[in-house]
Amino acid sequence: MTAVRNVHLEVPNPVGCFTVSVVNGDYCYFYYGVDGVDDKGWGCGYRTLQTMCSWIRFQLEALKRAAKPEPTIRQVQEMLVEMGDKPSSFIGSREWIGTYEVSICIDEAYKVPCKILHCRNKEEVKAEIPALLEHYRLIRCPAMIGGNIDSASKTVLGVALHEADSSESQLLILDPHYVGVPDVHTLIRDGWLKWTPIRELSETSFYNICLPQFPVYRDEELI
């Protein structure tokens, strides 16, 4: 596996009057084929899940607690079957997973519950910016976004609230659909890692945002 850590650190904040809040803590970027499994075209939800799990694993290790490695695609499928969410035929398939499946897998693997924000359109995503700011300020964990028309899941690493015009607010998106051996400069140059204005989201899609509820921080102390 070619692990690339903490890629957001190379991305400058948006220029202008923004309040910015981003992930804090180590994580690895998971993308198509990172572990030798050819999941191009169907594995984005699994890769987003693995990126989120890597952050949780690093946090648990820092706290000297037992931490499982990030689950493989097959292990995710087996978990979902064992939990009764999927039929046995799901194991070994190329079926997608979304925010719901990601949330129950994180809970099952790490005992970390998740909150899912359901947004009927991009205007409701914009309305959740304050909640996302609070998430990255207190919990600091990567999130997942995905929808129905815009069904390609992605990792959200931060949020920028435009103080004068909320329609110009942005999400820091890390896209798992990359194929190859990544380096940070390539990811930024080619748009796999970028600040994305919410106005650029689909006009017709709903969006779900999965927020792991890892124990929060206040004044740098875990509570």
C-alpha atoms as a PDB file:
ATOM      1  CA  MET A   1       0.000   0.000   0.000  1.00  0.00           C
ATOM      2  CA  THR A   2       1.235   3.475  -0.915  1.00  0.00           C
ATOM      3  CA  ALA A   3       0.028   5.484   2.064  1.00  0.00           C
ATOM      4  CA  VAL A   4      -0.073   9.256   1.815  1.00  0.00           C
ATOM      5  CA  ARG A   5      -0.760  11.024   5.090  1.00  0.00           C
ATOM      6  CA  ASN A   6      -2.355  14.325   5.983  1.00  0.00           C
ATOM      7  CA  VAL A   7      -2.598  15.655   2.429  1.00  0.00           C
ATOM      8  CA  HIS A   8      -4.688  18.672   3.455  1.00  0.00           C
ATOM      9  CA  LEU A   9      -1.683  20.303   5.101  1.00  0.00           C
ATOM     10  CA  GLU A  10      -0.428  21.365   1.658  1.00  0.00           C
ATOM     11  CA  VAL A  11      -3.692  23.069   0.658  1.00  0.00           C
ATOM     12  CA  PRO A  12      -3.896  26.813   1.367  1.00  0.00           C
ATOM     13  CA  ASN A  13      -7.111  28.186   2.828  1.00  0.00           C
ATOM     14  CA  PRO A  14      -9.487  29.959   0.462  1.00  0.00           C
ATOM     15  CA  VAL A  15      -8.691  33.598  -0.149  1.00  0.00           C
ATOM     16  CA  GLY A  16     -11.240  36.007   1.292  1.00  0.00           C
ATOM     17  CA  CYS A  17     -13.360  36.486   4.385  1.00  0.00           C
ATOM     18  CA  PHE A  18     -13.693  32.877   5.506  1.00  0.00           C
ATOM     19  CA  THR A  19     -13.965  31.118   8.843  1.00  0.00           C
ATOM     20  CA  VAL A  20     -12.103  27.852   8.286  1.00  0.00           C
ATOM     21  CA  SER A  21     -12.125  24.625  10.265  1.00  0.00           C
ATOM     22  CA  VAL A  22     -10.325  21.460   9.121  1.00  0.00           C
ATOM     23  CA  VAL A  23      -9.368  18.002  10.342  1.00  0.00           C
ATOM     24  CA  ASN A  24      -6.720  17.665  12.986  1.00  0.00           C
ATOM     25  CA  GLY A  25      -4.743  14.474  13.509  1.00  0.00           C
ATOM     26  CA  ASP A  26      -3.148  11.880  11.269  1.00  0.00           C
ATOM     27  CA  TYR A  27      -4.992   9.946   8.586  1.00  0.00           C
ATOM     28  CA  CYS A  28      -4.100   8.062   5.401  1.00  0.00           C
ATOM     29  CA  TYR A  29      -5.558   8.720   1.962  1.00  0.00           C
ATOM     30  CA  PHE A  30      -7.264   5.632   0.520  1.00  0.00           C
ATOM     31  CA  TYR A  31      -8.114   5.597  -3.186  1.00  0.00           C
ATOM     32  CA  TYR A  32      -8.948   3.191  -6.016  1.00  0.00           C
ATOM     33  CA  GLY A  33      -6.567   0.222  -6.074  1.00  0.00           C
ATOM     34  CA  VAL A  34      -4.451   1.404  -3.133  1.00  0.00           C
ATOM     35  CA  ASP A  35      -4.193  -2.127  -1.721  1.00  0.00           C
ATOM     36  CA  GLY A  36      -4.059  -3.990  -5.043  1.00  0.00           C
ATOM     37  CA  VAL A  37      -7.827  -4.533  -5.247  1.00  0.00           C
ATOM     38  CA  ASP A  38      -9.259  -3.205  -8.512  1.00  0.00           C
ATOM     39  CA  ASP A  39     -12.316  -1.309  -7.302  1.00  0.00           C
ATOM     40  CA  LYS A  40     -12.395   1.359 -10.007  1.00  0.00           C
ATOM     41  CA  GLY A  41     -15.976   2.421 -10.669  1.00  0.00           C
ATOM     42  CA  TRP A  42     -17.543   1.031  -7.488  1.00  0.00           C
ATOM     43  CA  GLY A  43     -15.236   1.273  -4.483  1.00  0.00           C
ATOM     44  CA  CYS A  44     -15.347   4.967  -3.574  1.00  0.00           C
ATOM     45  CA  GLY A  45     -17.509   4.432  -0.486  1.00  0.00           C
ATOM     46  CA  TYR A  46     -15.160   1.757   0.828  1.00  0.00           C
ATOM     47  CA  ARG A  47     -12.124   3.989   0.273  1.00  0.00           C
ATOM     48  CA  THR A  48     -13.770   6.929   2.004  1.00  0.00           C
ATOM     49  CA  LEU A  49     -14.614   4.635   4.922  1.00  0.00           C
ATOM     50  CA  GLN A  50     -10.989   3.477   5.115  1.00  0.00           C
ATOM     51  CA  THR A  51      -9.710   7.053   5.172  1.00  0.00           C
ATOM     52  CA  MET A  52     -12.066   7.854   8.059  1.00  0.00           C
ATOM     53  CA  CYS A  53     -11.080   4.656   9.884  1.00  0.00           C
ATOM     54  CA  SER A  54      -7.393   5.521   9.567  1.00  0.00           C
ATOM     55  CA  TRP A  55      -7.980   8.751  11.505  1.00  0.00           C
ATOM     56  CA  ILE A  56      -9.828   6.852  14.235  1.00  0.00           C
ATOM     57  CA  ARG A  57      -7.050   4.244  14.392  1.00  0.00           C
ATOM     58  CA  PHE A  58      -4.345   6.884  14.791  1.00  0.00           C
ATOM     59  CA  GLN A  59      -6.365   8.600  17.516  1.00  0.00           C
ATOM     60  CA  LEU A  60      -6.845   5.364  19.441  1.00  0.00           C
ATOM     61  CA  GLU A  61      -3.160   4.481  19.122  1.00  0.00           C
ATOM     62  CA  ALA A  62      -2.200   7.917  20.442  1.00  0.00           C
ATOM     63  CA  LEU A  63      -4.418   7.231  23.453  1.00  0.00           C
ATOM     64  CA  LYS A  64      -2.681   3.849  23.968  1.00  0.00           C
ATOM     65  CA  ARG A  65      -5.901   2.005  23.210  1.00  0.00           C
ATOM     66  CA  ALA A  66      -6.384  -1.104  21.104  1.00  0.00           C
ATOM     67  CA  ALA A  67      -7.076  -0.179  17.489  1.00  0.00           C
ATOM     68  CA  LYS A  68      -7.952  -2.442  14.585  1.00  0.00           C
ATOM     69  CA  PRO A  69      -6.359  -1.737  11.200  1.00  0.00           C
ATOM     70  CA  GLU A  70      -8.590  -0.233   8.536  1.00  0.00           C
ATOM     71  CA  PRO A  71     -10.940  -2.955   7.243  1.00  0.00           C
ATOM     72  CA  THR A  72     -10.380  -4.272   3.736  1.00  0.00           C
ATOM     73  CA  ILE A  73     -13.198  -4.129   1.200  1.00  0.00           C
ATOM     74  CA  ARG A  74     -13.951  -7.797   1.818  1.00  0.00           C
ATOM     75  CA  GLN A  75     -13.953  -7.294   5.594  1.00  0.00           C
ATOM     76  CA  VAL A  76     -16.406  -4.415   5.193  1.00  0.00           C
ATOM     77  CA  GLN A  77     -18.678  -6.650   3.129  1.00  0.00           C
ATOM     78  CA  GLU A  78     -18.416  -9.439   5.709  1.00  0.00           C
ATOM     79  CA  MET A  79     -19.275  -7.016   8.526  1.00  0.00           C
ATOM     80  CA  LEU A  80     -22.378  -5.813   6.705  1.00  0.00           C
ATOM     81  CA  VAL A  81     -23.521  -9.405   6.128  1.00  0.00           C
ATOM     82  CA  GLU A  82     -22.841 -10.371   9.756  1.00  0.00           C
ATOM     83  CA  MET A  83     -24.843  -7.356  10.957  1.00  0.00           C
ATOM     84  CA  GLY A  84     -27.781  -8.417   8.774  1.00  0.00           C
ATOM     85  CA  ASP A  85     -27.625  -5.339   6.558  1.00  0.00           C
ATOM     86  CA  LYS A  86     -26.719  -7.260   3.380  1.00  0.00           C
ATOM     87  CA  PRO A  87     -27.395 -10.761   2.002  1.00  0.00           C
ATOM     88  CA  SER A  88     -24.554 -13.268   1.832  1.00  0.00           C
ATOM     89  CA  SER A  89     -24.246 -12.658  -1.921  1.00  0.00           C
ATOM     90  CA  PHE A  90     -22.891  -9.198  -1.085  1.00  0.00           C
ATOM     91  CA  ILE A  91     -19.511 -10.691  -0.135  1.00  0.00           C
ATOM     92  CA  GLY A  92     -17.206 -10.534  -3.125  1.00  0.00           C
ATOM     93  CA  SER A  93     -19.587  -8.300  -5.084  1.00  0.00           C
ATOM     94  CA  ARG A  94     -18.935  -4.899  -6.614  1.00  0.00           C
ATOM     95  CA  GLU A  95     -21.909  -3.236  -4.984  1.00  0.00           C
ATOM     96  CA  TRP A  96     -21.483   0.280  -3.661  1.00  0.00           C
ATOM     97  CA  ILE A  97     -21.862   1.379  -0.070  1.00  0.00           C
ATOM     98  CA  GLY A  98     -23.106   4.748   1.161  1.00  0.00           C
ATOM     99  CA  THR A  99     -23.150   6.850   4.296  1.00  0.00           C
ATOM    100  CA  TYR A 100     -25.469   4.496   6.198  1.00  0.00           C
ATOM    101  CA  GLU A 101     -23.273   1.454   5.626  1.00  0.00           C
ATOM    102  CA  VAL A 102     -20.190   3.492   6.471  1.00  0.00           C
ATOM    103  CA  SER A 103     -21.758   4.667   9.726  1.00  0.00           C
ATOM    104  CA  ILE A 104     -22.637   1.190  10.980  1.00  0.00           C
ATOM    105  CA  CYS A 105     -19.238  -0.217   9.967  1.00  0.00           C
ATOM    106  CA  ILE A 106     -17.413   2.478  11.946  1.00  0.00           C
ATOM    107  CA  ASP A 107     -19.622   1.743  14.941  1.00  0.00           C
ATOM    108  CA  GLU A 108     -19.084  -1.998  14.615  1.00  0.00           C
ATOM    109  CA  ALA A 109     -15.312  -1.847  14.082  1.00  0.00           C
ATOM    110  CA  TYR A 110     -14.360   0.959  16.480  1.00  0.00           C
ATOM    111  CA  LYS A 111     -17.405   1.494  18.731  1.00  0.00           C
ATOM    112  CA  VAL A 112     -17.657   5.061  17.431  1.00  0.00           C
ATOM    113  CA  PRO A 113     -21.239   6.072  16.565  1.00  0.00           C
ATOM    114  CA  CYS A 114     -21.918   8.388  13.647  1.00  0.00           C
ATOM    115  CA  LYS A 115     -24.348  11.184  12.933  1.00  0.00           C
ATOM    116  CA  ILE A 116     -25.806  11.486   9.437  1.00  0.00           C
ATOM    117  CA  LEU A 117     -26.948  14.880   8.195  1.00  0.00           C
ATOM    118  CA  HIS A 118     -29.590  14.443   5.487  1.00  0.00           C
ATOM    119  CA  CYS A 119     -29.697  17.408   3.115  1.00  0.00           C
ATOM    120  CA  ARG A 120     -32.421  17.449   0.478  1.00  0.00           C
ATOM    121  CA  ASN A 121     -30.380  19.756  -1.758  1.00  0.00           C
ATOM    122  CA  LYS A 122     -27.249  21.871  -1.779  1.00  0.00           C
ATOM    123  CA  GLU A 123     -29.071  24.708  -0.026  1.00  0.00           C
ATOM    124  CA  GLU A 124     -29.513  22.424   2.956  1.00  0.00           C
ATOM    125  CA  VAL A 125     -25.819  21.489   2.753  1.00  0.00           C
ATOM    126  CA  LYS A 126     -25.087  25.206   3.028  1.00  0.00           C
ATOM    127  CA  ALA A 127     -27.371  25.413   6.061  1.00  0.00           C
ATOM    128  CA  GLU A 128     -25.277  22.721   7.786  1.00  0.00           C
ATOM    129  CA  ILE A 129     -22.034  24.715   7.527  1.00  0.00           C
ATOM    130  CA  PRO A 130     -22.215  25.831  11.204  1.00  0.00           C
ATOM    131  CA  ALA A 131     -22.625  22.192  12.279  1.00  0.00           C
ATOM    132  CA  LEU A 132     -19.636  21.210  10.145  1.00  0.00           C
ATOM    133  CA  LEU A 133     -17.531  24.007  11.606  1.00  0.00           C
ATOM    134  CA  GLU A 134     -18.359  22.689  15.056  1.00  0.00           C
ATOM    135  CA  HIS A 135     -17.560  19.121  13.996  1.00  0.00           C
ATOM    136  CA  TYR A 136     -14.056  20.019  12.818  1.00  0.00           C
ATOM    137  CA  ARG A 137     -13.458  22.276  15.812  1.00  0.00           C
ATOM    138  CA  LEU A 138     -14.439  19.703  18.431  1.00  0.00           C
ATOM    139  CA  ILE A 139     -14.241  16.220  16.912  1.00  0.00           C
ATOM    140  CA  ARG A 140     -11.753  16.903  14.103  1.00  0.00           C
ATOM    141  CA  CYS A 141     -12.457  13.685  12.179  1.00  0.00           C
ATOM    142  CA  PRO A 142     -12.812  13.388   8.385  1.00  0.00           C
ATOM    143  CA  ALA A 143     -16.412  13.152   7.179  1.00  0.00           C
ATOM    144  CA  MET A 144     -18.080  11.548   4.166  1.00  0.00           C
ATOM    145  CA  ILE A 145     -20.464  13.115   1.673  1.00  0.00           C
ATOM    146  CA  GLY A 146     -22.546  11.333  -0.950  1.00  0.00           C
ATOM    147  CA  GLY A 147     -25.939  11.573  -2.593  1.00  0.00           C
ATOM    148  CA  ASN A 148     -28.285  10.029  -5.092  1.00  0.00           C
ATOM    149  CA  ILE A 149     -27.752  11.891  -8.376  1.00  0.00           C
ATOM    150  CA  ASP A 150     -24.281  12.910  -7.242  1.00  0.00           C
ATOM    151  CA  SER A 151     -23.584   9.391  -5.984  1.00  0.00           C
ATOM    152  CA  ALA A 152     -19.775   9.462  -5.985  1.00  0.00           C
ATOM    153  CA  SER A 153     -18.783   9.480  -2.320  1.00  0.00           C
ATOM    154  CA  LYS A 154     -15.950  11.715  -1.171  1.00  0.00           C
ATOM    155  CA  THR A 155     -14.089  12.572   2.014  1.00  0.00           C
ATOM    156  CA  VAL A 156     -14.661  16.007   3.532  1.00  0.00           C
ATOM    157  CA  LEU A 157     -11.579  17.306   5.328  1.00  0.00           C
ATOM    158  CA  GLY A 158     -12.789  20.765   6.249  1.00  0.00           C
ATOM    159  CA  VAL A 159     -15.214  23.611   5.741  1.00  0.00           C
ATOM    160  CA  ALA A 160     -14.873  27.321   5.024  1.00  0.00           C
ATOM    161  CA  LEU A 161     -17.779  29.628   5.869  1.00  0.00           C
ATOM    162  CA  HIS A 162     -17.833  32.794   3.811  1.00  0.00           C
ATOM    163  CA  GLU A 163     -18.649  35.526   6.298  1.00  0.00           C
ATOM    164  CA  ALA A 164     -20.327  37.875   3.793  1.00  0.00           C
ATOM    165  CA  ASP A 165     -22.063  35.437   1.429  1.00  0.00           C
ATOM    166  CA  SER A 166     -22.818  31.926   2.701  1.00  0.00           C
ATOM    167  CA  SER A 167     -23.454  30.741  -0.871  1.00  0.00           C
ATOM    168  CA  GLU A 168     -19.690  31.079  -1.411  1.00  0.00           C
ATOM    169  CA  SER A 169     -18.894  28.706   1.465  1.00  0.00           C
ATOM    170  CA  GLN A 170     -16.690  25.749   0.549  1.00  0.00           C
ATOM    171  CA  LEU A 171     -15.875  22.153   1.467  1.00  0.00           C
ATOM    172  CA  LEU A 172     -12.363  20.725   1.398  1.00  0.00           C
ATOM    173  CA  ILE A 173     -12.897  17.579  -0.674  1.00  0.00           C
ATOM    174  CA  LEU A 174     -10.542  14.601  -0.943  1.00  0.00           C
ATOM    175  CA  ASP A 175     -11.648  12.416  -3.844  1.00  0.00           C
ATOM    176  CA  PRO A 176     -11.043   8.641  -3.618  1.00  0.00           C
ATOM    177  CA  HIS A 177     -11.529   8.104  -7.368  1.00  0.00           C
ATOM    178  CA  TYR A 178      -7.817   8.590  -8.046  1.00  0.00           C
ATOM    179  CA  VAL A 179      -5.880   5.794  -9.793  1.00  0.00           C
ATOM    180  CA  GLY A 180      -2.091   5.599  -9.638  1.00  0.00           C
ATOM    181  CA  VAL A 181       0.648   6.425  -7.158  1.00  0.00           C
ATOM    182  CA  PRO A 182      -0.315   9.740  -5.599  1.00  0.00           C
ATOM    183  CA  ASP A 183       1.733  12.637  -4.406  1.00  0.00           C
ATOM    184  CA  VAL A 184       0.230  15.698  -2.815  1.00  0.00           C
ATOM    185  CA  HIS A 185       1.169  18.108  -5.581  1.00  0.00           C
ATOM    186  CA  THR A 186      -0.453  15.883  -8.226  1.00  0.00           C
ATOM    187  CA  LEU A 187      -3.610  15.551  -6.138  1.00  0.00           C
ATOM    188  CA  ILE A 188      -3.876  19.322  -5.810  1.00  0.00           C
ATOM    189  CA  ARG A 189      -2.911  20.113  -9.407  1.00  0.00           C
ATOM    190  CA  ASP A 190      -5.400  17.648 -10.888  1.00  0.00           C
ATOM    191  CA  GLY A 191      -8.265  18.502  -8.537  1.00  0.00           C
ATOM    192  CA  TRP A 192      -8.417  15.342  -6.455  1.00  0.00           C
ATOM    193  CA  LEU A 193      -7.892  17.501  -3.374  1.00  0.00           C
ATOM    194  CA  LYS A 194      -9.452  20.949  -3.464  1.00  0.00           C
ATOM    195  CA  TRP A 195     -11.723  23.497  -1.895  1.00  0.00           C
ATOM    196  CA  THR A 196     -15.101  23.069  -3.597  1.00  0.00           C
ATOM    197  CA  PRO A 197     -17.746  25.828  -3.449  1.00  0.00           C
ATOM    198  CA  ILE A 198     -21.097  24.476  -2.310  1.00  0.00           C
ATOM    199  CA  ARG A 199     -22.713  26.254  -5.275  1.00  0.00           C
ATOM    200  CA  GLU A 200     -20.895  23.710  -7.492  1.00  0.00           C
ATOM    201  CA  LEU A 201     -22.774  20.772  -5.957  1.00  0.00           C
ATOM    202  CA  SER A 202     -25.535  19.164  -8.004  1.00  0.00           C
ATOM    203  CA  GLU A 203     -28.780  21.109  -8.385  1.00  0.00           C
ATOM    204  CA  THR A 204     -30.862  17.929  -8.310  1.00  0.00           C
ATOM    205  CA  SER A 205     -29.137  15.608  -5.819  1.00  0.00           C
ATOM    206  CA  PHE A 206     -29.775  15.122  -2.139  1.00  0.00           C
ATOM    207  CA  TYR A 207     -26.692  14.716   0.044  1.00  0.00           C
ATOM    208  CA  ASN A 208     -25.925  12.723   3.174  1.00  0.00           C
ATOM    209  CA  ILE A 209     -22.975  13.701   5.345  1.00  0.00           C
ATOM    210  CA  CYS A 210     -21.602  11.108   7.781  1.00  0.00           C
ATOM    211  CA  LEU A 211     -19.903  12.531  10.886  1.00  0.00           C
ATOM    212  CA  PRO A 212     -18.156  10.079  13.245  1.00  0.00           C
ATOM    213  CA  GLN A 213     -18.818  11.087  16.855  1.00  0.00           C
ATOM    214  CA  PHE A 214     -15.399  10.398  18.294  1.00  0.00           C
ATOM    215  CA  PRO A 215     -14.937  11.863  21.811  1.00  0.00           C
ATOM    216  CA  VAL A 216     -14.543  15.614  21.469  1.00  0.00           C
ATOM    217  CA  TYR A 217     -11.716  17.942  22.334  1.00  0.00           C
ATOM    218  CA  ARG A 218     -11.946  21.087  24.398  1.00  0.00           C
ATOM    219  CA  ASP A 219      -8.836  23.219  24.817  1.00  0.00           C
ATOM    220  CA  GLU A 220      -6.673  20.386  23.452  1.00  0.00           C
ATOM    221  CA  GLU A 221      -7.912  17.926  26.102  1.00  0.00           C
ATOM    222  CA  LEU A 222      -9.903  14.848  25.193  1.00  0.00           C
ATOM    223  CA  ILE A 223     -13.158  14.580  27.137  1.00  0.00           C
END
